Amino acid sequence: MQYDLFHAYTVDAHTLFVVRKPAPAVPASLRARVPRPLPADAIAAASEIVLLAALFHDIAKGRGGDHSELGAVDAERSA
């Protein structure tokens, strides 16, 4: 287990929080760059991408190395 400013929960608890809480539709940094409102299907797709990214990030924890990078490799392999 990791306990620091960014890792306050065990991986299983964190994953349950991620799944229970709806993913933000579109990150604020992306909304600022989009000149007009996004269609509903684009918002739904963005939400799914955020959820999948969070799950791959969690799946890679505890394997040694940077779990963000390992999760990205796993996500690419599953595509």
N, C-alpha and C. Protein backbone atom coordinates (compact mmCIF):
# COMPACT_ATOMS: atom_id res chain seq x y z
N MET A 1 0.83 -1.18 0.00
CA MET A 1 0.00 0.00 0.00
C MET A 1 0.87 1.24 0.00
N GLN A 2 0.37 2.27 -0.66
CA GLN A 2 1.04 3.55 -0.67
C GLN A 2 0.20 4.54 0.10
N TYR A 3 0.80 5.29 0.97
CA TYR A 3 0.09 6.35 1.67
C TYR A 3 0.92 7.62 1.53
N ASP A 4 0.45 8.53 0.72
CA ASP A 4 1.04 9.84 0.58
C ASP A 4 -0.06 10.79 0.13
N LEU A 5 0.28 11.98 -0.27
CA LEU A 5 -0.71 12.97 -0.65
C LEU A 5 -1.65 12.47 -1.74
N PHE A 6 -1.15 11.64 -2.65
CA PHE A 6 -1.95 11.21 -3.79
C PHE A 6 -2.49 9.79 -3.66
N HIS A 7 -2.03 9.02 -2.70
CA HIS A 7 -2.44 7.62 -2.57
C HIS A 7 -2.94 7.36 -1.15
N ALA A 8 -4.17 7.80 -0.89
CA ALA A 8 -4.72 7.67 0.46
C ALA A 8 -5.53 6.39 0.64
N TYR A 9 -5.85 5.68 -0.45
CA TYR A 9 -6.69 4.48 -0.38
C TYR A 9 -5.94 3.27 -0.94
N THR A 10 -6.35 2.09 -0.54
CA THR A 10 -5.81 0.89 -1.16
C THR A 10 -6.34 0.83 -2.60
N VAL A 11 -5.69 0.05 -3.44
CA VAL A 11 -6.08 -0.01 -4.85
C VAL A 11 -7.53 -0.46 -5.00
N ASP A 12 -7.95 -1.48 -4.25
CA ASP A 12 -9.32 -1.96 -4.40
C ASP A 12 -10.33 -0.90 -3.98
N ALA A 13 -10.07 -0.20 -2.89
CA ALA A 13 -10.99 0.86 -2.45
C ALA A 13 -11.03 1.99 -3.49
N HIS A 14 -9.86 2.36 -4.01
CA HIS A 14 -9.81 3.42 -5.01
C HIS A 14 -10.59 3.04 -6.26
N THR A 15 -10.44 1.80 -6.71
CA THR A 15 -11.15 1.35 -7.91
C THR A 15 -12.66 1.38 -7.69
N LEU A 16 -13.12 1.00 -6.51
CA LEU A 16 -14.55 1.08 -6.22
C LEU A 16 -15.05 2.52 -6.24
N PHE A 17 -14.26 3.44 -5.72
CA PHE A 17 -14.64 4.86 -5.79
C PHE A 17 -14.75 5.31 -7.24
N VAL A 18 -13.80 4.91 -8.07
CA VAL A 18 -13.79 5.30 -9.48
C VAL A 18 -15.04 4.79 -10.19
N VAL A 19 -15.39 3.54 -9.95
CA VAL A 19 -16.52 2.93 -10.64
C VAL A 19 -17.85 3.53 -10.15
N ARG A 20 -17.95 3.81 -8.86
CA ARG A 20 -19.19 4.36 -8.31
C ARG A 20 -19.43 5.80 -8.70
N LYS A 21 -18.37 6.57 -8.81
CA LYS A 21 -18.52 8.00 -9.11
C LYS A 21 -18.49 8.20 -10.62
N PRO A 22 -19.49 8.88 -11.17
CA PRO A 22 -19.48 9.11 -12.61
C PRO A 22 -18.24 9.90 -13.03
N ALA A 23 -17.67 9.52 -14.13
CA ALA A 23 -16.50 10.24 -14.64
C ALA A 23 -16.95 11.60 -15.14
N PRO A 24 -16.09 12.61 -15.00
CA PRO A 24 -16.46 13.92 -15.54
C PRO A 24 -16.65 13.81 -17.05
N ALA A 25 -17.61 14.51 -17.57
CA ALA A 25 -17.92 14.40 -19.00
C ALA A 25 -16.72 14.79 -19.84
N VAL A 26 -16.17 15.94 -19.61
CA VAL A 26 -15.01 16.40 -20.36
C VAL A 26 -14.16 17.22 -19.39
N PRO A 27 -12.85 16.94 -19.32
CA PRO A 27 -12.00 17.71 -18.41
C PRO A 27 -12.05 19.21 -18.73
N ALA A 28 -11.95 20.04 -17.71
CA ALA A 28 -12.02 21.49 -17.89
C ALA A 28 -10.96 21.98 -18.88
N SER A 29 -9.76 21.38 -18.85
CA SER A 29 -8.71 21.82 -19.77
C SER A 29 -9.11 21.59 -21.23
N LEU A 30 -9.87 20.54 -21.50
CA LEU A 30 -10.34 20.28 -22.85
C LEU A 30 -11.51 21.18 -23.21
N ARG A 31 -12.42 21.40 -22.26
CA ARG A 31 -13.58 22.27 -22.52
C ARG A 31 -13.12 23.65 -22.93
N ALA A 32 -12.04 24.15 -22.32
CA ALA A 32 -11.55 25.49 -22.64
C ALA A 32 -11.06 25.59 -24.08
N ARG A 33 -10.64 24.47 -24.66
CA ARG A 33 -10.11 24.49 -26.04
C ARG A 33 -11.18 24.19 -27.08
N VAL A 34 -12.37 23.79 -26.65
CA VAL A 34 -13.44 23.45 -27.59
C VAL A 34 -14.30 24.68 -27.79
N PRO A 35 -14.39 25.20 -29.03
CA PRO A 35 -15.07 26.47 -29.27
C PRO A 35 -16.59 26.41 -29.14
N ARG A 36 -17.20 25.24 -29.27
CA ARG A 36 -18.65 25.13 -29.17
C ARG A 36 -19.02 23.92 -28.34
N PRO A 37 -20.27 23.85 -27.89
CA PRO A 37 -20.66 22.70 -27.07
C PRO A 37 -20.48 21.38 -27.81
N LEU A 38 -20.08 20.36 -27.08
CA LEU A 38 -19.91 19.03 -27.67
C LEU A 38 -21.25 18.33 -27.79
N PRO A 39 -21.44 17.54 -28.86
CA PRO A 39 -22.67 16.75 -28.95
C PRO A 39 -22.71 15.69 -27.86
N ALA A 40 -23.92 15.24 -27.53
CA ALA A 40 -24.10 14.29 -26.43
C ALA A 40 -23.29 13.02 -26.62
N ASP A 41 -23.16 12.53 -27.86
CA ASP A 41 -22.40 11.29 -28.07
C ASP A 41 -20.91 11.51 -27.82
N ALA A 42 -20.40 12.68 -28.08
CA ALA A 42 -18.98 12.97 -27.80
C ALA A 42 -18.75 13.04 -26.29
N ILE A 43 -19.70 13.61 -25.57
CA ILE A 43 -19.59 13.70 -24.11
C ILE A 43 -19.62 12.30 -23.50
N ALA A 44 -20.51 11.44 -23.99
CA ALA A 44 -20.58 10.06 -23.49
C ALA A 44 -19.28 9.32 -23.77
N ALA A 45 -18.72 9.49 -24.96
CA ALA A 45 -17.47 8.83 -25.31
C ALA A 45 -16.33 9.32 -24.42
N ALA A 46 -16.29 10.62 -24.14
CA ALA A 46 -15.24 11.17 -23.27
C ALA A 46 -15.36 10.58 -21.86
N SER A 47 -16.58 10.42 -21.37
CA SER A 47 -16.78 9.84 -20.05
C SER A 47 -16.27 8.41 -19.99
N GLU A 48 -16.54 7.63 -21.02
CA GLU A 48 -16.06 6.25 -21.07
C GLU A 48 -14.54 6.19 -21.12
N ILE A 49 -13.92 7.09 -21.86
CA ILE A 49 -12.46 7.12 -21.97
C ILE A 49 -11.84 7.45 -20.61
N VAL A 50 -12.41 8.42 -19.90
CA VAL A 50 -11.89 8.79 -18.59
C VAL A 50 -12.00 7.60 -17.62
N LEU A 51 -13.14 6.90 -17.65
CA LEU A 51 -13.33 5.75 -16.76
C LEU A 51 -12.33 4.64 -17.10
N LEU A 52 -12.17 4.33 -18.38
CA LEU A 52 -11.21 3.28 -18.77
C LEU A 52 -9.78 3.66 -18.39
N ALA A 53 -9.42 4.92 -18.57
CA ALA A 53 -8.07 5.38 -18.20
C ALA A 53 -7.84 5.19 -16.71
N ALA A 54 -8.84 5.54 -15.90
CA ALA A 54 -8.71 5.38 -14.44
C ALA A 54 -8.57 3.91 -14.06
N LEU A 55 -9.32 3.04 -14.72
CA LEU A 55 -9.24 1.61 -14.40
C LEU A 55 -7.89 1.03 -14.80
N PHE A 56 -7.38 1.36 -15.98
CA PHE A 56 -6.06 0.86 -16.38
C PHE A 56 -4.97 1.41 -15.46
N HIS A 57 -5.13 2.63 -15.01
CA HIS A 57 -4.18 3.24 -14.07
C HIS A 57 -4.14 2.42 -12.78
N ASP A 58 -5.31 2.04 -12.28
CA ASP A 58 -5.37 1.26 -11.03
C ASP A 58 -4.87 -0.16 -11.22
N ILE A 59 -5.21 -0.76 -12.33
CA ILE A 59 -4.80 -2.15 -12.59
C ILE A 59 -3.28 -2.29 -12.55
N ALA A 60 -2.56 -1.27 -12.97
CA ALA A 60 -1.10 -1.35 -13.06
C ALA A 60 -0.39 -1.11 -11.72
N LYS A 61 -1.11 -0.75 -10.69
CA LYS A 61 -0.47 -0.48 -9.39
C LYS A 61 0.08 -1.77 -8.78
N GLY A 62 1.19 -1.63 -8.09
CA GLY A 62 1.76 -2.76 -7.36
C GLY A 62 2.61 -3.69 -8.20
N ARG A 63 2.85 -3.36 -9.45
CA ARG A 63 3.65 -4.23 -10.32
C ARG A 63 5.09 -3.77 -10.44
N GLY A 64 5.44 -2.72 -9.74
CA GLY A 64 6.80 -2.19 -9.84
C GLY A 64 6.87 -1.23 -11.02
N GLY A 65 7.48 -0.12 -10.80
CA GLY A 65 7.56 0.89 -11.86
C GLY A 65 6.44 1.90 -11.72
N ASP A 66 6.38 2.80 -12.67
CA ASP A 66 5.38 3.87 -12.67
C ASP A 66 4.05 3.32 -13.15
N HIS A 67 3.06 3.25 -12.26
CA HIS A 67 1.78 2.64 -12.64
C HIS A 67 1.04 3.43 -13.71
N SER A 68 1.32 4.73 -13.85
CA SER A 68 0.71 5.51 -14.93
C SER A 68 1.23 5.03 -16.28
N GLU A 69 2.53 4.82 -16.36
CA GLU A 69 3.13 4.36 -17.62
C GLU A 69 2.73 2.90 -17.91
N LEU A 70 2.76 2.05 -16.88
CA LEU A 70 2.38 0.65 -17.08
C LEU A 70 0.91 0.53 -17.50
N GLY A 71 0.05 1.35 -16.90
CA GLY A 71 -1.36 1.35 -17.28
C GLY A 71 -1.57 1.78 -18.72
N ALA A 72 -0.78 2.76 -19.16
CA ALA A 72 -0.88 3.21 -20.56
C ALA A 72 -0.47 2.10 -21.52
N VAL A 73 0.56 1.35 -21.18
CA VAL A 73 0.99 0.21 -22.01
C VAL A 73 -0.11 -0.84 -22.06
N ASP A 74 -0.70 -1.14 -20.92
CA ASP A 74 -1.80 -2.13 -20.88
C ASP A 74 -2.98 -1.67 -21.72
N ALA A 75 -3.31 -0.38 -21.65
CA ALA A 75 -4.44 0.16 -22.42
C ALA A 75 -4.17 0.03 -23.92
N GLU A 76 -2.93 0.34 -24.35
CA GLU A 76 -2.58 0.20 -25.76
C GLU A 76 -2.69 -1.25 -26.21
N ARG A 77 -2.24 -2.17 -25.39
CA ARG A 77 -2.29 -3.59 -25.76
C ARG A 77 -3.72 -4.11 -25.87
N SER A 78 -4.62 -3.54 -25.09
CA SER A 78 -6.01 -4.04 -25.10
C SER A 78 -6.83 -3.44 -26.23
N ALA A 79 -6.32 -2.40 -26.87
CA ALA A 79 -7.08 -1.73 -27.93
C ALA A 79 -7.23 -2.60 -29.17
